[in-house]
Amino acid sequence: MSVDVRLEVRPVWPFRLTRRSGMDGLSPVRGGVLHRLLHERLDGHELPVHVRVAQLSSGSVLIGARASHGELAQRAIARMRRALGVDLELRAFHDEFRRDPLIGAAVRANPTLRPAGRPDPFEALAWAITEQLIEYVRAAAIQRRMVAALGRRDGVSGLRNSPSAAVFAGTAPARLESLDLSASRSLALVKVAREVAGARVHLDALDPEVQEAGWRRLRSIPGIGSWTVEILALTGQGRLDQVPAGDLGLIKLVGRLLSGGDPWARADEQQVRDFFARFGRWQGLAASYALRVGGQIKSPIAA
């Protein structure tokens, strides 16, 4: 027996549901409805939840979830709301930066933009590792292979979820290499999965101090640099104050701006952080707009 829970949400700030399916295959959009398979734990068991999201003509967002228990459906709905940014109040950002010389025109043209979020922080971390130093399209192909080979599947909906931390923790790095992930990244992914599965890093924590303690522990693992952790923070934990300074699009954009227009100039990560520091608690959102300005939309934060 399954329970179907539905919730209509009126966003506090203009919101537009994506009409594009995710490149990793996890979030297909069919007939204007976004589908996503999530898993929630109950009594030590991981159970599937089929989430559906649609935007009504009124602008409200209708989120439905089918699960074996109503509590699981409610939890999954809450996660999708956070990932999509449905409840974000962005008036302060828009009031302050709608006339900004760099991003102002983009802010005015598209007030609905949010960084591309993920409902599972570990998924954001794992996917960030696959996206290190390679083209986003190629990284998405690796992610699709991982989902097909190791992901969780719901026989009713036919949807798939990304592999859990426990699954990656028990996977040999060579198996990940066979899916086209490099040897160093395969080893790093297995190591971070063991930290998360072993409850030494708590990615779901809402307390910033706990989050940042987890970032420091992750940074101690070879192959996990600042960009990977910043992508986790921005797309997996909703930290709009974090800018992924190693993003190639941002490195090119800031390099061009600092050099006076040289198309071949490249900034370093610290220059990118210094450049976006003026946006304060909105640095990650400002970076998403800047990538649009720079034409670099094939990015994990502005996909």
C-alpha atoms as a PDB file:
ATOM      1  CA  MET A   1       0.000   0.000   0.000  1.00  0.00           C
ATOM      2  CA  SER A   2       1.289   3.464  -0.856  1.00  0.00           C
ATOM      3  CA  VAL A   3       0.445   6.940   0.377  1.00  0.00           C
ATOM      4  CA  ASP A   4       0.226   9.910  -1.980  1.00  0.00           C
ATOM      5  CA  VAL A   5       0.889  13.292  -0.367  1.00  0.00           C
ATOM      6  CA  ARG A   6       0.398  16.543  -2.263  1.00  0.00           C
ATOM      7  CA  LEU A   7       1.363  20.049  -1.268  1.00  0.00           C
ATOM      8  CA  GLU A   8       0.720  23.314  -3.097  1.00  0.00           C
ATOM      9  CA  VAL A   9       3.375  25.945  -2.379  1.00  0.00           C
ATOM     10  CA  ARG A  10       3.129  29.613  -3.248  1.00  0.00           C
ATOM     11  CA  PRO A  11       6.732  30.816  -3.743  1.00  0.00           C
ATOM     12  CA  VAL A  12       7.616  33.974  -1.843  1.00  0.00           C
ATOM     13  CA  TRP A  13       9.775  35.129  -4.759  1.00  0.00           C
ATOM     14  CA  PRO A  14       9.241  34.562  -8.527  1.00  0.00           C
ATOM     15  CA  PHE A  15       9.994  30.943  -9.365  1.00  0.00           C
ATOM     16  CA  ARG A  16      10.074  29.022 -12.621  1.00  0.00           C
ATOM     17  CA  LEU A  17      10.273  25.249 -12.725  1.00  0.00           C
ATOM     18  CA  THR A  18      12.791  23.924 -15.224  1.00  0.00           C
ATOM     19  CA  ARG A  19      11.402  22.393 -18.394  1.00  0.00           C
ATOM     20  CA  ARG A  20      14.615  20.491 -19.135  1.00  0.00           C
ATOM     21  CA  SER A  21      15.471  17.012 -17.959  1.00  0.00           C
ATOM     22  CA  GLY A  22      18.706  16.717 -15.964  1.00  0.00           C
ATOM     23  CA  MET A  23      21.707  15.602 -17.998  1.00  0.00           C
ATOM     24  CA  ASP A  24      22.489  12.858 -15.471  1.00  0.00           C
ATOM     25  CA  GLY A  25      19.112  11.215 -16.142  1.00  0.00           C
ATOM     26  CA  LEU A  26      17.854  11.548 -12.572  1.00  0.00           C
ATOM     27  CA  SER A  27      15.225  14.253 -13.093  1.00  0.00           C
ATOM     28  CA  PRO A  28      13.214  13.631 -16.264  1.00  0.00           C
ATOM     29  CA  VAL A  29      10.610  16.226 -17.214  1.00  0.00           C
ATOM     30  CA  ARG A  30       7.533  14.729 -18.851  1.00  0.00           C
ATOM     31  CA  GLY A  31       4.611  16.867 -19.932  1.00  0.00           C
ATOM     32  CA  GLY A  32       5.865  19.754 -17.819  1.00  0.00           C
ATOM     33  CA  VAL A  33       6.134  17.577 -14.695  1.00  0.00           C
ATOM     34  CA  LEU A  34       9.535  16.984 -13.090  1.00  0.00           C
ATOM     35  CA  HIS A  35       9.960  13.464 -11.693  1.00  0.00           C
ATOM     36  CA  ARG A  36      12.563  12.426  -9.161  1.00  0.00           C
ATOM     37  CA  LEU A  37      13.196   9.238  -7.210  1.00  0.00           C
ATOM     38  CA  LEU A  38      14.493   9.798  -3.687  1.00  0.00           C
ATOM     39  CA  HIS A  39      15.143   7.414  -0.809  1.00  0.00           C
ATOM     40  CA  GLU A  40      14.327   7.997   2.839  1.00  0.00           C
ATOM     41  CA  ARG A  41      15.251   5.879   5.858  1.00  0.00           C
ATOM     42  CA  LEU A  42      12.699   4.338   8.194  1.00  0.00           C
ATOM     43  CA  ASP A  43      13.486   1.796  10.936  1.00  0.00           C
ATOM     44  CA  GLY A  44      16.924   1.158   9.448  1.00  0.00           C
ATOM     45  CA  HIS A  45      15.603   0.576   5.932  1.00  0.00           C
ATOM     46  CA  GLU A  46      15.989   2.749   2.851  1.00  0.00           C
ATOM     47  CA  LEU A  47      12.647   3.137   1.077  1.00  0.00           C
ATOM     48  CA  PRO A  48      11.819   4.727  -2.306  1.00  0.00           C
ATOM     49  CA  VAL A  49       9.771   7.895  -2.721  1.00  0.00           C
ATOM     50  CA  HIS A  50       8.529   9.054  -6.128  1.00  0.00           C
ATOM     51  CA  VAL A  51       8.388  12.861  -6.172  1.00  0.00           C
ATOM     52  CA  ARG A  52       6.552  14.870  -8.839  1.00  0.00           C
ATOM     53  CA  VAL A  53       6.767  18.652  -9.247  1.00  0.00           C
ATOM     54  CA  ALA A  54       4.605  20.830 -11.495  1.00  0.00           C
ATOM     55  CA  GLN A  55       4.064  24.562 -11.765  1.00  0.00           C
ATOM     56  CA  LEU A  56       0.479  25.762 -11.975  1.00  0.00           C
ATOM     57  CA  SER A  57      -0.722  28.620 -14.147  1.00  0.00           C
ATOM     58  CA  SER A  58      -1.130  30.690 -10.956  1.00  0.00           C
ATOM     59  CA  GLY A  59       2.617  30.428 -10.305  1.00  0.00           C
ATOM     60  CA  SER A  60       2.163  28.053  -7.379  1.00  0.00           C
ATOM     61  CA  VAL A  61       4.195  24.856  -7.269  1.00  0.00           C
ATOM     62  CA  LEU A  62       2.451  21.528  -6.741  1.00  0.00           C
ATOM     63  CA  ILE A  63       4.697  18.875  -5.199  1.00  0.00           C
ATOM     64  CA  GLY A  64       3.466  15.330  -4.823  1.00  0.00           C
ATOM     65  CA  ALA A  65       5.203  12.310  -3.329  1.00  0.00           C
ATOM     66  CA  ARG A  66       4.207   8.647  -3.316  1.00  0.00           C
ATOM     67  CA  ALA A  67       5.738   6.448  -0.610  1.00  0.00           C
ATOM     68  CA  SER A  68       4.902   3.565   1.687  1.00  0.00           C
ATOM     69  CA  HIS A  69       4.540   5.967   4.627  1.00  0.00           C
ATOM     70  CA  GLY A  70       3.277   9.543   4.794  1.00  0.00           C
ATOM     71  CA  GLU A  71       6.276  10.609   6.884  1.00  0.00           C
ATOM     72  CA  LEU A  72       8.667   9.565   4.117  1.00  0.00           C
ATOM     73  CA  ALA A  73       6.643  11.461   1.528  1.00  0.00           C
ATOM     74  CA  GLN A  74       6.718  14.614   3.673  1.00  0.00           C
ATOM     75  CA  ARG A  75      10.480  14.358   4.125  1.00  0.00           C
ATOM     76  CA  ALA A  76      11.066  13.920   0.403  1.00  0.00           C
ATOM     77  CA  ILE A  77       8.848  16.917  -0.403  1.00  0.00           C
ATOM     78  CA  ALA A  78      10.855  19.058   2.022  1.00  0.00           C
ATOM     79  CA  ARG A  79      14.102  17.996   0.347  1.00  0.00           C
ATOM     80  CA  MET A  80      12.806  18.849  -3.124  1.00  0.00           C
ATOM     81  CA  ARG A  81      11.605  22.248  -1.925  1.00  0.00           C
ATOM     82  CA  ARG A  82      15.098  23.032  -0.642  1.00  0.00           C
ATOM     83  CA  ALA A  83      16.828  21.709  -3.756  1.00  0.00           C
ATOM     84  CA  LEU A  84      14.620  23.705  -6.116  1.00  0.00           C
ATOM     85  CA  GLY A  85      14.798  26.843  -3.981  1.00  0.00           C
ATOM     86  CA  VAL A  86      11.013  27.195  -3.963  1.00  0.00           C
ATOM     87  CA  ASP A  87      11.028  28.945  -0.578  1.00  0.00           C
ATOM     88  CA  LEU A  88      13.992  31.264  -1.164  1.00  0.00           C
ATOM     89  CA  GLU A  89      13.280  34.924  -0.403  1.00  0.00           C
ATOM     90  CA  LEU A  90      15.557  36.796  -2.782  1.00  0.00           C
ATOM     91  CA  ARG A  91      14.162  40.332  -2.575  1.00  0.00           C
ATOM     92  CA  ALA A  92      17.174  41.647  -0.643  1.00  0.00           C
ATOM     93  CA  PHE A  93      19.560  40.321  -3.295  1.00  0.00           C
ATOM     94  CA  HIS A  94      17.563  41.793  -6.164  1.00  0.00           C
ATOM     95  CA  ASP A  95      17.086  45.163  -4.464  1.00  0.00           C
ATOM     96  CA  GLU A  96      20.830  45.454  -3.879  1.00  0.00           C
ATOM     97  CA  PHE A  97      22.186  44.118  -7.176  1.00  0.00           C
ATOM     98  CA  ARG A  98      19.573  44.740  -9.866  1.00  0.00           C
ATOM     99  CA  ARG A  99      21.650  47.742 -11.019  1.00  0.00           C
ATOM    100  CA  ASP A 100      25.025  46.051 -10.590  1.00  0.00           C
ATOM    101  CA  PRO A 101      27.323  46.821 -13.551  1.00  0.00           C
ATOM    102  CA  LEU A 102      28.201  43.144 -14.088  1.00  0.00           C
ATOM    103  CA  ILE A 103      25.069  41.148 -13.309  1.00  0.00           C
ATOM    104  CA  GLY A 104      22.357  43.805 -13.032  1.00  0.00           C
ATOM    105  CA  ALA A 105      20.931  43.313 -16.538  1.00  0.00           C
ATOM    106  CA  ALA A 106      20.784  39.521 -16.036  1.00  0.00           C
ATOM    107  CA  VAL A 107      19.172  39.945 -12.607  1.00  0.00           C
ATOM    108  CA  ARG A 108      16.449  42.170 -14.045  1.00  0.00           C
ATOM    109  CA  ALA A 109      15.910  39.891 -17.044  1.00  0.00           C
ATOM    110  CA  ASN A 110      15.645  36.672 -15.047  1.00  0.00           C
ATOM    111  CA  PRO A 111      14.538  37.137 -11.429  1.00  0.00           C
ATOM    112  CA  THR A 112      13.734  33.412 -11.135  1.00  0.00           C
ATOM    113  CA  LEU A 113      17.338  32.154 -11.370  1.00  0.00           C
ATOM    114  CA  ARG A 114      18.617  29.941  -8.573  1.00  0.00           C
ATOM    115  CA  PRO A 115      21.807  27.843  -8.428  1.00  0.00           C
ATOM    116  CA  ALA A 116      21.053  24.303  -9.607  1.00  0.00           C
ATOM    117  CA  GLY A 117      20.441  22.446  -6.345  1.00  0.00           C
ATOM    118  CA  ARG A 118      20.358  18.739  -5.511  1.00  0.00           C
ATOM    119  CA  PRO A 119      18.054  17.050  -2.970  1.00  0.00           C
ATOM    120  CA  ASP A 120      20.863  14.853  -1.604  1.00  0.00           C
ATOM    121  CA  PRO A 121      24.080  16.524  -0.342  1.00  0.00           C
ATOM    122  CA  PHE A 122      26.080  13.340  -0.896  1.00  0.00           C
ATOM    123  CA  GLU A 123      24.927  13.241  -4.506  1.00  0.00           C
ATOM    124  CA  ALA A 124      26.141  16.836  -4.898  1.00  0.00           C
ATOM    125  CA  LEU A 125      29.525  15.819  -3.471  1.00  0.00           C
ATOM    126  CA  ALA A 126      29.855  12.662  -5.567  1.00  0.00           C
ATOM    127  CA  TRP A 127      28.848  14.458  -8.746  1.00  0.00           C
ATOM    128  CA  ALA A 128      31.286  17.299  -7.997  1.00  0.00           C
ATOM    129  CA  ILE A 129      34.099  14.746  -7.889  1.00  0.00           C
ATOM    130  CA  THR A 130      33.094  13.421 -11.313  1.00  0.00           C
ATOM    131  CA  GLU A 131      33.065  16.995 -12.659  1.00  0.00           C
ATOM    132  CA  GLN A 132      36.592  17.889 -11.560  1.00  0.00           C
ATOM    133  CA  LEU A 133      38.668  19.327 -14.412  1.00  0.00           C
ATOM    134  CA  ILE A 134      36.617  17.817 -17.239  1.00  0.00           C
ATOM    135  CA  GLU A 135      33.893  19.064 -19.539  1.00  0.00           C
ATOM    136  CA  TYR A 136      30.457  19.024 -17.923  1.00  0.00           C
ATOM    137  CA  VAL A 137      28.901  17.011 -20.764  1.00  0.00           C
ATOM    138  CA  ARG A 138      31.494  14.257 -20.319  1.00  0.00           C
ATOM    139  CA  ALA A 139      30.992  14.289 -16.545  1.00  0.00           C
ATOM    140  CA  ALA A 140      27.240  13.868 -17.014  1.00  0.00           C
ATOM    141  CA  ALA A 141      27.895  10.819 -19.197  1.00  0.00           C
ATOM    142  CA  ILE A 142      29.978   9.299 -16.361  1.00  0.00           C
ATOM    143  CA  GLN A 143      27.172  10.050 -13.919  1.00  0.00           C
ATOM    144  CA  ARG A 144      24.641   8.284 -16.146  1.00  0.00           C
ATOM    145  CA  ARG A 145      26.889   5.201 -16.218  1.00  0.00           C
ATOM    146  CA  MET A 146      27.182   5.264 -12.427  1.00  0.00           C
ATOM    147  CA  VAL A 147      23.421   5.510 -12.048  1.00  0.00           C
ATOM    148  CA  ALA A 148      22.870   2.619 -14.478  1.00  0.00           C
ATOM    149  CA  ALA A 149      25.506   0.400 -12.852  1.00  0.00           C
ATOM    150  CA  LEU A 150      25.209   1.259  -9.154  1.00  0.00           C
ATOM    151  CA  GLY A 151      22.114   3.398  -8.684  1.00  0.00           C
ATOM    152  CA  ARG A 152      18.894   2.560  -6.901  1.00  0.00           C
ATOM    153  CA  ARG A 153      15.828   1.748  -8.996  1.00  0.00           C
ATOM    154  CA  ASP A 154      12.105   1.838  -8.335  1.00  0.00           C
ATOM    155  CA  GLY A 155      10.304  -0.941 -10.177  1.00  0.00           C
ATOM    156  CA  VAL A 156       6.974   0.899 -10.048  1.00  0.00           C
ATOM    157  CA  SER A 157       7.950   4.254 -11.556  1.00  0.00           C
ATOM    158  CA  GLY A 158      10.979   3.030 -13.506  1.00  0.00           C
ATOM    159  CA  LEU A 159      12.978   5.949 -12.104  1.00  0.00           C
ATOM    160  CA  ARG A 160      16.525   5.676 -10.780  1.00  0.00           C
ATOM    161  CA  ASN A 161      18.282   7.405  -7.919  1.00  0.00           C
ATOM    162  CA  SER A 162      22.001   8.043  -7.600  1.00  0.00           C
ATOM    163  CA  PRO A 163      24.129   5.491  -5.701  1.00  0.00           C
ATOM    164  CA  SER A 164      24.167   5.955  -1.940  1.00  0.00           C
ATOM    165  CA  ALA A 165      27.270   6.682   0.115  1.00  0.00           C
ATOM    166  CA  ALA A 166      27.142   3.104   1.427  1.00  0.00           C
ATOM    167  CA  VAL A 167      27.181   1.711  -2.117  1.00  0.00           C
ATOM    168  CA  PHE A 168      30.127   3.853  -3.199  1.00  0.00           C
ATOM    169  CA  ALA A 169      31.930   3.031   0.062  1.00  0.00           C
ATOM    170  CA  GLY A 170      31.727  -0.669  -0.777  1.00  0.00           C
ATOM    171  CA  THR A 171      32.705  -0.286  -4.437  1.00  0.00           C
ATOM    172  CA  ALA A 172      36.234  -0.991  -5.627  1.00  0.00           C
ATOM    173  CA  PRO A 173      37.870   2.058  -7.239  1.00  0.00           C
ATOM    174  CA  ALA A 174      38.633  -0.109 -10.278  1.00  0.00           C
ATOM    175  CA  ARG A 175      34.886  -0.544 -10.810  1.00  0.00           C
ATOM    176  CA  LEU A 176      34.471   3.222 -10.989  1.00  0.00           C
ATOM    177  CA  GLU A 177      37.435   3.469 -13.360  1.00  0.00           C
ATOM    178  CA  SER A 178      35.614   1.084 -15.692  1.00  0.00           C
ATOM    179  CA  LEU A 179      32.862   3.735 -15.898  1.00  0.00           C
ATOM    180  CA  ASP A 180      35.419   6.283 -17.215  1.00  0.00           C
ATOM    181  CA  LEU A 181      36.185   8.014 -13.909  1.00  0.00           C
ATOM    182  CA  SER A 182      39.911   8.619 -13.517  1.00  0.00           C
ATOM    183  CA  ALA A 183      41.894   6.515 -11.037  1.00  0.00           C
ATOM    184  CA  SER A 184      42.559   9.401  -8.646  1.00  0.00           C
ATOM    185  CA  ARG A 185      38.936  10.547  -8.631  1.00  0.00           C
ATOM    186  CA  SER A 186      37.690   6.986  -8.196  1.00  0.00           C
ATOM    187  CA  LEU A 187      39.824   6.586  -5.088  1.00  0.00           C
ATOM    188  CA  ALA A 188      38.737  10.004  -3.755  1.00  0.00           C
ATOM    189  CA  LEU A 189      35.068   9.164  -4.283  1.00  0.00           C
ATOM    190  CA  VAL A 190      35.355   5.883  -2.395  1.00  0.00           C
ATOM    191  CA  LYS A 191      37.191   7.615   0.471  1.00  0.00           C
ATOM    192  CA  VAL A 192      34.627  10.408   0.872  1.00  0.00           C
ATOM    193  CA  ALA A 193      31.812   7.843   0.679  1.00  0.00           C
ATOM    194  CA  ARG A 194      33.378   5.939   3.567  1.00  0.00           C
ATOM    195  CA  GLU A 195      33.556   9.131   5.629  1.00  0.00           C
ATOM    196  CA  VAL A 196      29.881   9.852   5.001  1.00  0.00           C
ATOM    197  CA  ALA A 197      28.657   6.257   5.359  1.00  0.00           C
ATOM    198  CA  GLY A 198      30.651   5.944   8.584  1.00  0.00           C
ATOM    199  CA  ALA A 199      28.963   9.081   9.990  1.00  0.00           C
ATOM    200  CA  ARG A 200      32.265  10.911  10.369  1.00  0.00           C
ATOM    201  CA  VAL A 201      30.988  13.657   8.051  1.00  0.00           C
ATOM    202  CA  HIS A 202      27.378  14.815   8.443  1.00  0.00           C
ATOM    203  CA  LEU A 203      26.345  16.320   5.123  1.00  0.00           C
ATOM    204  CA  ASP A 204      22.666  16.670   6.073  1.00  0.00           C
ATOM    205  CA  ALA A 205      23.418  18.933   9.033  1.00  0.00           C
ATOM    206  CA  LEU A 206      21.744  22.347   8.895  1.00  0.00           C
ATOM    207  CA  ASP A 207      24.109  23.936  11.426  1.00  0.00           C
ATOM    208  CA  PRO A 208      26.763  25.942   9.507  1.00  0.00           C
ATOM    209  CA  GLU A 209      29.434  25.035  12.064  1.00  0.00           C
ATOM    210  CA  VAL A 210      28.784  21.317  11.571  1.00  0.00           C
ATOM    211  CA  GLN A 211      28.768  21.779   7.791  1.00  0.00           C
ATOM    212  CA  GLU A 212      32.084  23.608   7.849  1.00  0.00           C
ATOM    213  CA  ALA A 213      33.659  21.008  10.132  1.00  0.00           C
ATOM    214  CA  GLY A 214      32.659  18.430   7.524  1.00  0.00           C
ATOM    215  CA  TRP A 215      34.227  20.516   4.770  1.00  0.00           C
ATOM    216  CA  ARG A 216      37.533  20.596   6.653  1.00  0.00           C
ATOM    217  CA  ARG A 217      37.508  16.828   7.097  1.00  0.00           C
ATOM    218  CA  LEU A 218      36.728  16.312   3.416  1.00  0.00           C
ATOM    219  CA  ARG A 219      39.530  18.687   2.399  1.00  0.00           C
ATOM    220  CA  SER A 220      41.999  16.411   4.217  1.00  0.00           C
ATOM    221  CA  ILE A 221      41.301  13.652   1.674  1.00  0.00           C
ATOM    222  CA  PRO A 222      43.684  13.689  -1.318  1.00  0.00           C
ATOM    223  CA  GLY A 223      41.840  14.797  -4.441  1.00  0.00           C
ATOM    224  CA  ILE A 224      39.222  16.860  -2.597  1.00  0.00           C
ATOM    225  CA  GLY A 225      39.967  20.523  -3.123  1.00  0.00           C
ATOM    226  CA  SER A 226      38.171  23.766  -2.454  1.00  0.00           C
ATOM    227  CA  TRP A 227      36.098  23.673  -5.662  1.00  0.00           C
ATOM    228  CA  THR A 228      34.609  20.273  -4.814  1.00  0.00           C
ATOM    229  CA  VAL A 229      33.645  21.384  -1.315  1.00  0.00           C
ATOM    230  CA  GLU A 230      32.249  24.698  -2.568  1.00  0.00           C
ATOM    231  CA  ILE A 231      30.051  22.882  -5.101  1.00  0.00           C
ATOM    232  CA  LEU A 232      28.810  20.618  -2.296  1.00  0.00           C
ATOM    233  CA  ALA A 233      28.045  23.678  -0.158  1.00  0.00           C
ATOM    234  CA  LEU A 234      26.256  25.628  -2.886  1.00  0.00           C
ATOM    235  CA  THR A 235      24.317  22.912  -4.703  1.00  0.00           C
ATOM    236  CA  GLY A 236      23.911  20.319  -1.946  1.00  0.00           C
ATOM    237  CA  GLN A 237      23.603  22.370   1.244  1.00  0.00           C
ATOM    238  CA  GLY A 238      22.020  25.571  -0.037  1.00  0.00           C
ATOM    239  CA  ARG A 239      24.915  27.803   1.019  1.00  0.00           C
ATOM    240  CA  LEU A 240      24.446  30.833  -1.238  1.00  0.00           C
ATOM    241  CA  ASP A 241      27.448  32.467   0.439  1.00  0.00           C
ATOM    242  CA  GLN A 242      29.828  29.983  -1.207  1.00  0.00           C
ATOM    243  CA  VAL A 243      31.295  30.623  -4.663  1.00  0.00           C
ATOM    244  CA  PRO A 244      32.993  27.718  -6.500  1.00  0.00           C
ATOM    245  CA  ALA A 245      36.103  29.711  -7.314  1.00  0.00           C
ATOM    246  CA  GLY A 246      37.687  26.947  -9.385  1.00  0.00           C
ATOM    247  CA  ASP A 247      34.842  26.914 -11.926  1.00  0.00           C
ATOM    248  CA  LEU A 248      36.444  27.305 -15.339  1.00  0.00           C
ATOM    249  CA  GLY A 249      33.722  29.686 -16.516  1.00  0.00           C
ATOM    250  CA  LEU A 250      34.371  31.979 -13.542  1.00  0.00           C
ATOM    251  CA  ILE A 251      38.142  31.753 -13.975  1.00  0.00           C
ATOM    252  CA  LYS A 252      37.789  32.835 -17.610  1.00  0.00           C
ATOM    253  CA  LEU A 253      35.240  35.560 -16.871  1.00  0.00           C
ATOM    254  CA  VAL A 254      37.136  37.136 -13.975  1.00  0.00           C
ATOM    255  CA  GLY A 255      40.421  36.846 -15.884  1.00  0.00           C
ATOM    256  CA  ARG A 256      38.916  38.699 -18.822  1.00  0.00           C
ATOM    257  CA  LEU A 257      37.442  41.414 -16.623  1.00  0.00           C
ATOM    258  CA  LEU A 258      40.598  41.945 -14.562  1.00  0.00           C
ATOM    259  CA  SER A 259      42.789  42.093 -17.672  1.00  0.00           C
ATOM    260  CA  GLY A 260      40.655  44.684 -19.397  1.00  0.00           C
ATOM    261  CA  GLY A 261      39.198  42.321 -21.957  1.00  0.00           C
ATOM    262  CA  ASP A 262      41.957  39.837 -22.862  1.00  0.00           C
ATOM    263  CA  PRO A 263      39.998  36.739 -24.036  1.00  0.00           C
ATOM    264  CA  TRP A 264      42.885  34.437 -23.073  1.00  0.00           C
ATOM    265  CA  ALA A 265      43.416  35.771 -19.549  1.00  0.00           C
ATOM    266  CA  ARG A 266      42.776  33.445 -16.615  1.00  0.00           C
ATOM    267  CA  ALA A 267      42.267  34.398 -12.970  1.00  0.00           C
ATOM    268  CA  ASP A 268      43.376  32.207 -10.098  1.00  0.00           C
ATOM    269  CA  GLU A 269      40.947  30.945  -7.452  1.00  0.00           C
ATOM    270  CA  GLN A 270      41.817  33.624  -4.922  1.00  0.00           C
ATOM    271  CA  GLN A 271      41.217  36.348  -7.489  1.00  0.00           C
ATOM    272  CA  VAL A 272      37.787  34.840  -8.180  1.00  0.00           C
ATOM    273  CA  ARG A 273      36.964  34.801  -4.451  1.00  0.00           C
ATOM    274  CA  ASP A 274      38.145  38.379  -4.032  1.00  0.00           C
ATOM    275  CA  PHE A 275      36.106  39.439  -7.070  1.00  0.00           C
ATOM    276  CA  PHE A 276      32.858  38.019  -5.675  1.00  0.00           C
ATOM    277  CA  ALA A 277      33.492  39.026  -2.048  1.00  0.00           C
ATOM    278  CA  ARG A 278      31.476  42.215  -2.530  1.00  0.00           C
ATOM    279  CA  PHE A 279      28.309  40.112  -2.948  1.00  0.00           C
ATOM    280  CA  GLY A 280      28.598  38.930   0.662  1.00  0.00           C
ATOM    281  CA  ARG A 281      26.044  36.271   1.631  1.00  0.00           C
ATOM    282  CA  TRP A 282      24.880  36.106  -1.989  1.00  0.00           C
ATOM    283  CA  GLN A 283      28.200  35.180  -3.632  1.00  0.00           C
ATOM    284  CA  GLY A 284      27.030  31.826  -4.989  1.00  0.00           C
ATOM    285  CA  LEU A 285      23.888  33.303  -6.521  1.00  0.00           C
ATOM    286  CA  ALA A 286      25.873  36.188  -8.002  1.00  0.00           C
ATOM    287  CA  ALA A 287      28.284  33.665  -9.547  1.00  0.00           C
ATOM    288  CA  SER A 288      25.359  31.856 -11.173  1.00  0.00           C
ATOM    289  CA  TYR A 289      24.255  35.121 -12.778  1.00  0.00           C
ATOM    290  CA  ALA A 290      27.832  35.927 -13.801  1.00  0.00           C
ATOM    291  CA  LEU A 291      28.126  32.599 -15.615  1.00  0.00           C
ATOM    292  CA  ARG A 292      25.031  33.521 -17.606  1.00  0.00           C
ATOM    293  CA  VAL A 293      26.560  36.904 -18.432  1.00  0.00           C
ATOM    294  CA  GLY A 294      29.751  35.163 -19.545  1.00  0.00           C
ATOM    295  CA  GLY A 295      27.850  32.630 -21.656  1.00  0.00           C
ATOM    296  CA  GLN A 296      29.173  29.702 -19.590  1.00  0.00           C
ATOM    297  CA  ILE A 297      25.881  27.988 -18.763  1.00  0.00           C
ATOM    298  CA  LYS A 298      27.142  24.372 -19.061  1.00  0.00           C
ATOM    299  CA  SER A 299      28.235  24.421 -15.444  1.00  0.00           C
ATOM    300  CA  PRO A 300      27.088  22.475 -12.380  1.00  0.00           C
ATOM    301  CA  ILE A 301      25.829  25.676 -10.751  1.00  0.00           C
ATOM    302  CA  ALA A 302      24.055  27.177 -13.758  1.00  0.00           C
ATOM    303  CA  ALA A 303      22.968  24.164 -15.760  1.00  0.00           C
END
